[in-house]
Amino acid sequence: MARILIVEDERRISSFIAKGLRAEGHVTTCVADGREGLDLALSGDVDLVVLDIGLPGIDGFEVLERLRAQGSAVPVIVLTARDSVGDTVSALEGGADDYMPKPFRFAELLARVRLRLRQCPDPSAQRDEVLRAGGVSLDLRTRRAMVGGRQVDLSAREFRLAEMFMTNAGQVLSREQLLDHVWGMDFDPGSNVVDVYVGYLRKKLGSDTIATVRGMGYRFNR
């Protein structure tokens, strides 16, 4: 399992990529802004980046330039327009590991993702296998949750939501971010499913573990 960041401002494309990668067992995060993508890529919690060139904030070329300038070696697969040879050359010279011309078949993108992940150290070996925050521990290998030394049974969806919260403990996560990561961007954005599952986690992990930040989303307390 790898953590893959998708920096793409076309919702349809990012949803298509994320859905396919999740089906392969990977954890995906989608952002549509270049600056936000750069911050996440530099966080150390990403194993591979799928990066579009045309982005709001800062474009993909600048994201790539800043990423390499700060010493990050995270593999980057750039998405380019099919007829833009100049963009492709510039991206590769700027430090991209590979590129995909749009439109593309997911099977080809997946093959390139697998290749780049094989060429770098095992992502799971570089991350803590156990997340700890707010008196809760989450074992990513055995898929077990512990609260105060007591094992708590979580459904697959609850576990994924807890993992998202604990990976970003102390940070406010919007309902949209949680919906995208856990349920996929093609899920109804008007649904209250996030609120329902936060309620489930509070019952199982403790009522004080997840705080509601009015008008913004939720925060997992450290």
C-alpha atoms as a PDB file:
ATOM      1  CA  MET A   1       0.000   0.000   0.000  1.00  0.00           C
ATOM      2  CA  ALA A   2       1.359   3.396  -0.995  1.00  0.00           C
ATOM      3  CA  ARG A   3       0.176   6.901  -0.220  1.00  0.00           C
ATOM      4  CA  ILE A   4      -0.388   8.687  -3.504  1.00  0.00           C
ATOM      5  CA  LEU A   5      -1.032  12.407  -3.872  1.00  0.00           C
ATOM      6  CA  ILE A   6      -3.061  13.501  -6.903  1.00  0.00           C
ATOM      7  CA  VAL A   7      -2.660  17.193  -7.737  1.00  0.00           C
ATOM      8  CA  GLU A   8      -5.241  17.843 -10.445  1.00  0.00           C
ATOM      9  CA  ASP A   9      -7.832  20.617 -10.727  1.00  0.00           C
ATOM     10  CA  GLU A  10     -10.203  18.715 -13.023  1.00  0.00           C
ATOM     11  CA  ARG A  11     -12.488  16.909 -10.589  1.00  0.00           C
ATOM     12  CA  ARG A  12     -13.512  14.265 -13.105  1.00  0.00           C
ATOM     13  CA  ILE A  13      -9.910  13.262 -13.802  1.00  0.00           C
ATOM     14  CA  SER A  14      -8.765  13.256 -10.183  1.00  0.00           C
ATOM     15  CA  SER A  15     -11.800  11.197  -9.171  1.00  0.00           C
ATOM     16  CA  PHE A  16     -11.110   8.703 -11.969  1.00  0.00           C
ATOM     17  CA  ILE A  17      -7.473   8.279 -10.915  1.00  0.00           C
ATOM     18  CA  ALA A  18      -8.221   8.110  -7.190  1.00  0.00           C
ATOM     19  CA  LYS A  19     -10.958   5.530  -7.581  1.00  0.00           C
ATOM     20  CA  GLY A  20      -8.705   3.266  -9.646  1.00  0.00           C
ATOM     21  CA  LEU A  21      -5.742   3.566  -7.267  1.00  0.00           C
ATOM     22  CA  ARG A  22      -7.900   2.880  -4.204  1.00  0.00           C
ATOM     23  CA  ALA A  23      -9.183  -0.264  -5.912  1.00  0.00           C
ATOM     24  CA  GLU A  24      -5.531  -1.360  -6.095  1.00  0.00           C
ATOM     25  CA  GLY A  25      -5.157  -0.894  -2.332  1.00  0.00           C
ATOM     26  CA  HIS A  26      -3.442   2.490  -2.305  1.00  0.00           C
ATOM     27  CA  VAL A  27      -4.367   5.461  -0.124  1.00  0.00           C
ATOM     28  CA  THR A  28      -5.079   8.578  -2.166  1.00  0.00           C
ATOM     29  CA  THR A  29      -5.347  12.282  -1.416  1.00  0.00           C
ATOM     30  CA  CYS A  30      -6.664  14.694  -4.037  1.00  0.00           C
ATOM     31  CA  VAL A  31      -6.000  18.429  -4.105  1.00  0.00           C
ATOM     32  CA  ALA A  32      -6.746  20.960  -6.834  1.00  0.00           C
ATOM     33  CA  ASP A  33      -4.317  23.753  -5.915  1.00  0.00           C
ATOM     34  CA  GLY A  34      -0.581  23.865  -6.653  1.00  0.00           C
ATOM     35  CA  ARG A  35       0.442  25.403  -3.326  1.00  0.00           C
ATOM     36  CA  GLU A  36      -1.531  22.870  -1.304  1.00  0.00           C
ATOM     37  CA  GLY A  37      -0.100  20.080  -3.429  1.00  0.00           C
ATOM     38  CA  LEU A  38       3.447  21.289  -2.799  1.00  0.00           C
ATOM     39  CA  ASP A  39       2.904  21.437   0.974  1.00  0.00           C
ATOM     40  CA  LEU A  40       1.535  17.888   1.045  1.00  0.00           C
ATOM     41  CA  ALA A  41       4.279  16.565  -1.238  1.00  0.00           C
ATOM     42  CA  LEU A  42       6.900  18.024   1.129  1.00  0.00           C
ATOM     43  CA  SER A  43       5.222  16.591   4.242  1.00  0.00           C
ATOM     44  CA  GLY A  44       7.068  13.270   4.029  1.00  0.00           C
ATOM     45  CA  ASP A  45       3.784  11.351   4.139  1.00  0.00           C
ATOM     46  CA  VAL A  46       3.558  10.827   0.368  1.00  0.00           C
ATOM     47  CA  ASP A  47       5.125   7.975  -1.607  1.00  0.00           C
ATOM     48  CA  LEU A  48       4.296   9.202  -5.109  1.00  0.00           C
ATOM     49  CA  VAL A  49       2.769  12.282  -6.741  1.00  0.00           C
ATOM     50  CA  VAL A  50       0.574  12.434  -9.842  1.00  0.00           C
ATOM     51  CA  LEU A  51       0.941  16.069 -10.907  1.00  0.00           C
ATOM     52  CA  ASP A  52      -0.986  18.076 -13.489  1.00  0.00           C
ATOM     53  CA  ILE A  53       0.722  21.022 -15.187  1.00  0.00           C
ATOM     54  CA  GLY A  54      -2.151  23.516 -15.394  1.00  0.00           C
ATOM     55  CA  LEU A  55      -3.029  24.283 -11.773  1.00  0.00           C
ATOM     56  CA  PRO A  56      -4.370  27.282  -9.861  1.00  0.00           C
ATOM     57  CA  GLY A  57      -2.106  28.885  -7.263  1.00  0.00           C
ATOM     58  CA  ILE A  58       1.186  27.774  -8.768  1.00  0.00           C
ATOM     59  CA  ASP A  59       1.467  25.559 -11.836  1.00  0.00           C
ATOM     60  CA  GLY A  60       2.904  22.062 -11.979  1.00  0.00           C
ATOM     61  CA  PHE A  61       6.283  23.247 -13.255  1.00  0.00           C
ATOM     62  CA  GLU A  62       6.767  25.451 -10.196  1.00  0.00           C
ATOM     63  CA  VAL A  63       5.548  22.723  -7.855  1.00  0.00           C
ATOM     64  CA  LEU A  64       8.127  20.370  -9.351  1.00  0.00           C
ATOM     65  CA  GLU A  65      10.887  22.985  -9.247  1.00  0.00           C
ATOM     66  CA  ARG A  66      10.287  23.825  -5.587  1.00  0.00           C
ATOM     67  CA  LEU A  67       9.942  20.170  -4.671  1.00  0.00           C
ATOM     68  CA  ARG A  68      13.332  19.278  -6.121  1.00  0.00           C
ATOM     69  CA  ALA A  69      14.959  22.476  -4.855  1.00  0.00           C
ATOM     70  CA  GLN A  70      14.071  21.426  -1.300  1.00  0.00           C
ATOM     71  CA  GLY A  71      15.683  18.037  -1.764  1.00  0.00           C
ATOM     72  CA  SER A  72      12.579  15.888  -2.121  1.00  0.00           C
ATOM     73  CA  ALA A  73      13.112  12.717  -4.146  1.00  0.00           C
ATOM     74  CA  VAL A  74       9.462  11.614  -4.089  1.00  0.00           C
ATOM     75  CA  PRO A  75       8.576  10.087  -7.494  1.00  0.00           C
ATOM     76  CA  VAL A  76       6.468  12.413  -9.665  1.00  0.00           C
ATOM     77  CA  ILE A  77       4.390  11.407 -12.670  1.00  0.00           C
ATOM     78  CA  VAL A  78       3.355  14.498 -14.635  1.00  0.00           C
ATOM     79  CA  LEU A  79       0.111  14.744 -16.619  1.00  0.00           C
ATOM     80  CA  THR A  80       0.535  16.694 -19.852  1.00  0.00           C
ATOM     81  CA  ALA A  81      -1.555  17.684 -22.858  1.00  0.00           C
ATOM     82  CA  ARG A  82      -1.041  15.176 -25.659  1.00  0.00           C
ATOM     83  CA  ASP A  83       0.122  17.788 -28.173  1.00  0.00           C
ATOM     84  CA  SER A  84       2.431  19.626 -25.788  1.00  0.00           C
ATOM     85  CA  VAL A  85       5.879  18.179 -26.445  1.00  0.00           C
ATOM     86  CA  GLY A  86       7.462  21.246 -24.870  1.00  0.00           C
ATOM     87  CA  ASP A  87       5.627  20.654 -21.597  1.00  0.00           C
ATOM     88  CA  THR A  88       6.767  17.051 -21.534  1.00  0.00           C
ATOM     89  CA  VAL A  89      10.399  17.935 -22.121  1.00  0.00           C
ATOM     90  CA  SER A  90      10.299  20.746 -19.552  1.00  0.00           C
ATOM     91  CA  ALA A  91       8.726  18.468 -16.946  1.00  0.00           C
ATOM     92  CA  LEU A  92      11.330  15.725 -17.420  1.00  0.00           C
ATOM     93  CA  GLU A  93      14.181  18.219 -17.353  1.00  0.00           C
ATOM     94  CA  GLY A  94      12.670  19.774 -14.248  1.00  0.00           C
ATOM     95  CA  GLY A  95      12.849  16.513 -12.300  1.00  0.00           C
ATOM     96  CA  ALA A  96       9.735  14.530 -13.194  1.00  0.00           C
ATOM     97  CA  ASP A  97      10.230  10.771 -13.156  1.00  0.00           C
ATOM     98  CA  ASP A  98       7.647  10.031 -15.830  1.00  0.00           C
ATOM     99  CA  TYR A  99       4.769  11.575 -17.734  1.00  0.00           C
ATOM    100  CA  MET A 100       1.329  10.651 -19.047  1.00  0.00           C
ATOM    101  CA  PRO A 101      -0.279  12.462 -21.991  1.00  0.00           C
ATOM    102  CA  LYS A 102      -3.989  13.238 -21.679  1.00  0.00           C
ATOM    103  CA  PRO A 103      -6.278  11.509 -22.380  1.00  0.00           C
ATOM    104  CA  PHE A 104      -4.853   8.251 -21.047  1.00  0.00           C
ATOM    105  CA  ARG A 105      -5.914   4.733 -20.126  1.00  0.00           C
ATOM    106  CA  PHE A 106      -5.858   4.002 -16.402  1.00  0.00           C
ATOM    107  CA  ALA A 107      -4.100   0.667 -16.984  1.00  0.00           C
ATOM    108  CA  GLU A 108      -1.120   2.508 -18.457  1.00  0.00           C
ATOM    109  CA  LEU A 109      -0.987   5.007 -15.608  1.00  0.00           C
ATOM    110  CA  LEU A 110      -1.185   2.151 -13.099  1.00  0.00           C
ATOM    111  CA  ALA A 111       1.737   0.388 -14.801  1.00  0.00           C
ATOM    112  CA  ARG A 112       3.830   3.549 -14.508  1.00  0.00           C
ATOM    113  CA  VAL A 113       2.830   3.995 -10.865  1.00  0.00           C
ATOM    114  CA  ARG A 114       3.864   0.420 -10.084  1.00  0.00           C
ATOM    115  CA  LEU A 115       7.175   0.904 -11.869  1.00  0.00           C
ATOM    116  CA  ARG A 116       8.041   4.078  -9.948  1.00  0.00           C
ATOM    117  CA  LEU A 117       7.067   2.534  -6.620  1.00  0.00           C
ATOM    118  CA  ARG A 118       9.251  -0.509  -7.333  1.00  0.00           C
ATOM    119  CA  GLN A 119      12.187   1.756  -8.038  1.00  0.00           C
ATOM    120  CA  CYS A 120      12.001   3.470  -4.656  1.00  0.00           C
ATOM    121  CA  PRO A 121      12.324   1.917  -1.166  1.00  0.00           C
ATOM    122  CA  ASP A 122       9.322   0.116   0.261  1.00  0.00           C
ATOM    123  CA  PRO A 123       6.916   2.913   1.289  1.00  0.00           C
ATOM    124  CA  SER A 124       5.579   0.966   4.251  1.00  0.00           C
ATOM    125  CA  ALA A 125       9.094   0.614   5.644  1.00  0.00           C
ATOM    126  CA  GLN A 126       9.467   4.385   5.750  1.00  0.00           C
ATOM    127  CA  ARG A 127       6.325   5.036   7.798  1.00  0.00           C
ATOM    128  CA  ASP A 128       5.319   4.179  11.319  1.00  0.00           C
ATOM    129  CA  GLU A 129       3.136   1.093  11.212  1.00  0.00           C
ATOM    130  CA  VAL A 130       1.335   2.256  14.342  1.00  0.00           C
ATOM    131  CA  LEU A 131      -0.327   5.673  14.571  1.00  0.00           C
ATOM    132  CA  ARG A 132      -0.818   7.142  18.052  1.00  0.00           C
ATOM    133  CA  ALA A 133      -2.851  10.187  19.041  1.00  0.00           C
ATOM    134  CA  GLY A 134      -5.325  11.148  21.738  1.00  0.00           C
ATOM    135  CA  GLY A 135      -4.855   7.915  23.675  1.00  0.00           C
ATOM    136  CA  VAL A 136      -5.686   5.863  20.586  1.00  0.00           C
ATOM    137  CA  SER A 137      -3.294   3.583  18.680  1.00  0.00           C
ATOM    138  CA  LEU A 138      -3.963   2.320  15.170  1.00  0.00           C
ATOM    139  CA  ASP A 139      -1.908  -0.573  13.792  1.00  0.00           C
ATOM    140  CA  LEU A 140      -1.827  -0.197  10.006  1.00  0.00           C
ATOM    141  CA  ARG A 141      -0.413  -3.678   9.471  1.00  0.00           C
ATOM    142  CA  THR A 142      -2.852  -5.705  11.553  1.00  0.00           C
ATOM    143  CA  ARG A 143      -5.723  -3.198  11.139  1.00  0.00           C
ATOM    144  CA  ARG A 144      -6.344  -3.094  14.891  1.00  0.00           C
ATOM    145  CA  ALA A 145      -7.388  -0.151  17.015  1.00  0.00           C
ATOM    146  CA  MET A 146      -6.571   0.130  20.725  1.00  0.00           C
ATOM    147  CA  VAL A 147      -7.961   2.575  23.280  1.00  0.00           C
ATOM    148  CA  GLY A 148      -6.374   2.508  26.729  1.00  0.00           C
ATOM    149  CA  GLY A 149      -5.010  -0.985  26.142  1.00  0.00           C
ATOM    150  CA  ARG A 150      -8.404  -2.261  25.020  1.00  0.00           C
ATOM    151  CA  GLN A 151      -8.979  -3.467  21.465  1.00  0.00           C
ATOM    152  CA  VAL A 152     -11.830  -1.768  19.622  1.00  0.00           C
ATOM    153  CA  ASP A 153     -13.475  -3.273  16.564  1.00  0.00           C
ATOM    154  CA  LEU A 154     -13.705  -0.890  13.614  1.00  0.00           C
ATOM    155  CA  SER A 155     -15.334  -1.506  10.263  1.00  0.00           C
ATOM    156  CA  ALA A 156     -13.167  -1.035   7.161  1.00  0.00           C
ATOM    157  CA  ARG A 157     -14.703   2.405   6.568  1.00  0.00           C
ATOM    158  CA  GLU A 158     -14.295   3.443  10.200  1.00  0.00           C
ATOM    159  CA  PHE A 159     -10.667   2.324  10.135  1.00  0.00           C
ATOM    160  CA  ARG A 160      -9.931   4.346   7.003  1.00  0.00           C
ATOM    161  CA  LEU A 161     -11.568   7.425   8.531  1.00  0.00           C
ATOM    162  CA  ALA A 162      -9.624   6.968  11.778  1.00  0.00           C
ATOM    163  CA  GLU A 163      -6.395   6.575   9.797  1.00  0.00           C
ATOM    164  CA  MET A 164      -7.081   9.818   7.911  1.00  0.00           C
ATOM    165  CA  PHE A 165      -7.758  11.654  11.183  1.00  0.00           C
ATOM    166  CA  MET A 166      -4.750  10.266  13.043  1.00  0.00           C
ATOM    167  CA  THR A 167      -2.346  10.801  10.159  1.00  0.00           C
ATOM    168  CA  ASN A 168      -3.382  14.456  10.320  1.00  0.00           C
ATOM    169  CA  ALA A 169      -3.870  14.709  14.096  1.00  0.00           C
ATOM    170  CA  GLY A 170      -4.215  18.303  15.269  1.00  0.00           C
ATOM    171  CA  GLN A 171      -5.212  19.552  11.810  1.00  0.00           C
ATOM    172  CA  VAL A 172      -8.704  20.573  10.772  1.00  0.00           C
ATOM    173  CA  LEU A 173     -10.067  18.373   7.980  1.00  0.00           C
ATOM    174  CA  SER A 174     -13.090  19.499   5.997  1.00  0.00           C
ATOM    175  CA  ARG A 175     -16.031  17.216   5.280  1.00  0.00           C
ATOM    176  CA  GLU A 176     -15.083  17.403   1.599  1.00  0.00           C
ATOM    177  CA  GLN A 177     -11.541  16.152   2.311  1.00  0.00           C
ATOM    178  CA  LEU A 178     -12.850  13.288   4.425  1.00  0.00           C
ATOM    179  CA  LEU A 179     -15.529  12.411   1.887  1.00  0.00           C
ATOM    180  CA  ASP A 180     -12.969  12.343  -0.918  1.00  0.00           C
ATOM    181  CA  HIS A 181     -10.410  10.250   0.976  1.00  0.00           C
ATOM    182  CA  VAL A 182     -12.731   7.693   2.546  1.00  0.00           C
ATOM    183  CA  TRP A 183     -15.705   7.469   0.199  1.00  0.00           C
ATOM    184  CA  GLY A 184     -14.378   8.838  -3.088  1.00  0.00           C
ATOM    185  CA  MET A 185     -15.119  12.060  -4.915  1.00  0.00           C
ATOM    186  CA  ASP A 186     -18.043  10.511  -6.803  1.00  0.00           C
ATOM    187  CA  PHE A 187     -19.992  10.171  -3.550  1.00  0.00           C
ATOM    188  CA  ASP A 188     -22.887  12.615  -3.031  1.00  0.00           C
ATOM    189  CA  PRO A 189     -21.313  15.785  -1.536  1.00  0.00           C
ATOM    190  CA  GLY A 190     -24.617  16.644   0.124  1.00  0.00           C
ATOM    191  CA  SER A 191     -24.637  13.448   2.170  1.00  0.00           C
ATOM    192  CA  ASN A 192     -24.224  13.529   5.953  1.00  0.00           C
ATOM    193  CA  VAL A 193     -22.310  10.239   5.905  1.00  0.00           C
ATOM    194  CA  VAL A 194     -19.144  11.905   7.288  1.00  0.00           C
ATOM    195  CA  ASP A 195     -21.020  13.237  10.308  1.00  0.00           C
ATOM    196  CA  VAL A 196     -22.600   9.842  10.900  1.00  0.00           C
ATOM    197  CA  TYR A 197     -19.258   8.024  10.840  1.00  0.00           C
ATOM    198  CA  VAL A 198     -17.605  10.641  13.053  1.00  0.00           C
ATOM    199  CA  GLY A 199     -20.341   9.813  15.526  1.00  0.00           C
ATOM    200  CA  TYR A 200     -19.499   6.117  15.255  1.00  0.00           C
ATOM    201  CA  LEU A 201     -15.805   6.819  15.938  1.00  0.00           C
ATOM    202  CA  ARG A 202     -16.584   9.026  18.936  1.00  0.00           C
ATOM    203  CA  LYS A 203     -18.601   6.199  20.470  1.00  0.00           C
ATOM    204  CA  LYS A 204     -15.796   3.682  19.917  1.00  0.00           C
ATOM    205  CA  LEU A 205     -12.663   5.812  20.460  1.00  0.00           C
ATOM    206  CA  GLY A 206     -13.949   8.340  22.981  1.00  0.00           C
ATOM    207  CA  SER A 207     -16.193  11.391  22.786  1.00  0.00           C
ATOM    208  CA  ASP A 208     -13.249  13.785  23.219  1.00  0.00           C
ATOM    209  CA  THR A 209     -11.063  12.335  20.471  1.00  0.00           C
ATOM    210  CA  ILE A 210     -12.658  14.259  17.585  1.00  0.00           C
ATOM    211  CA  ALA A 211     -13.571  17.935  17.917  1.00  0.00           C
ATOM    212  CA  THR A 212     -16.059  19.737  15.694  1.00  0.00           C
ATOM    213  CA  VAL A 213     -14.674  22.990  14.284  1.00  0.00           C
ATOM    214  CA  ARG A 214     -17.778  24.958  13.375  1.00  0.00           C
ATOM    215  CA  GLY A 215     -17.983  25.929   9.744  1.00  0.00           C
ATOM    216  CA  MET A 216     -14.720  24.135   8.885  1.00  0.00           C
ATOM    217  CA  GLY A 217     -14.866  20.426   9.700  1.00  0.00           C
ATOM    218  CA  TYR A 218     -13.313  18.120  12.292  1.00  0.00           C
ATOM    219  CA  ARG A 219     -10.003  17.796  14.157  1.00  0.00           C
ATOM    220  CA  PHE A 220      -8.562  14.694  15.820  1.00  0.00           C
ATOM    221  CA  ASN A 221      -7.103  15.794  19.155  1.00  0.00           C
ATOM    222  CA  ARG A 222      -3.496  14.867  19.859  1.00  0.00           C
END
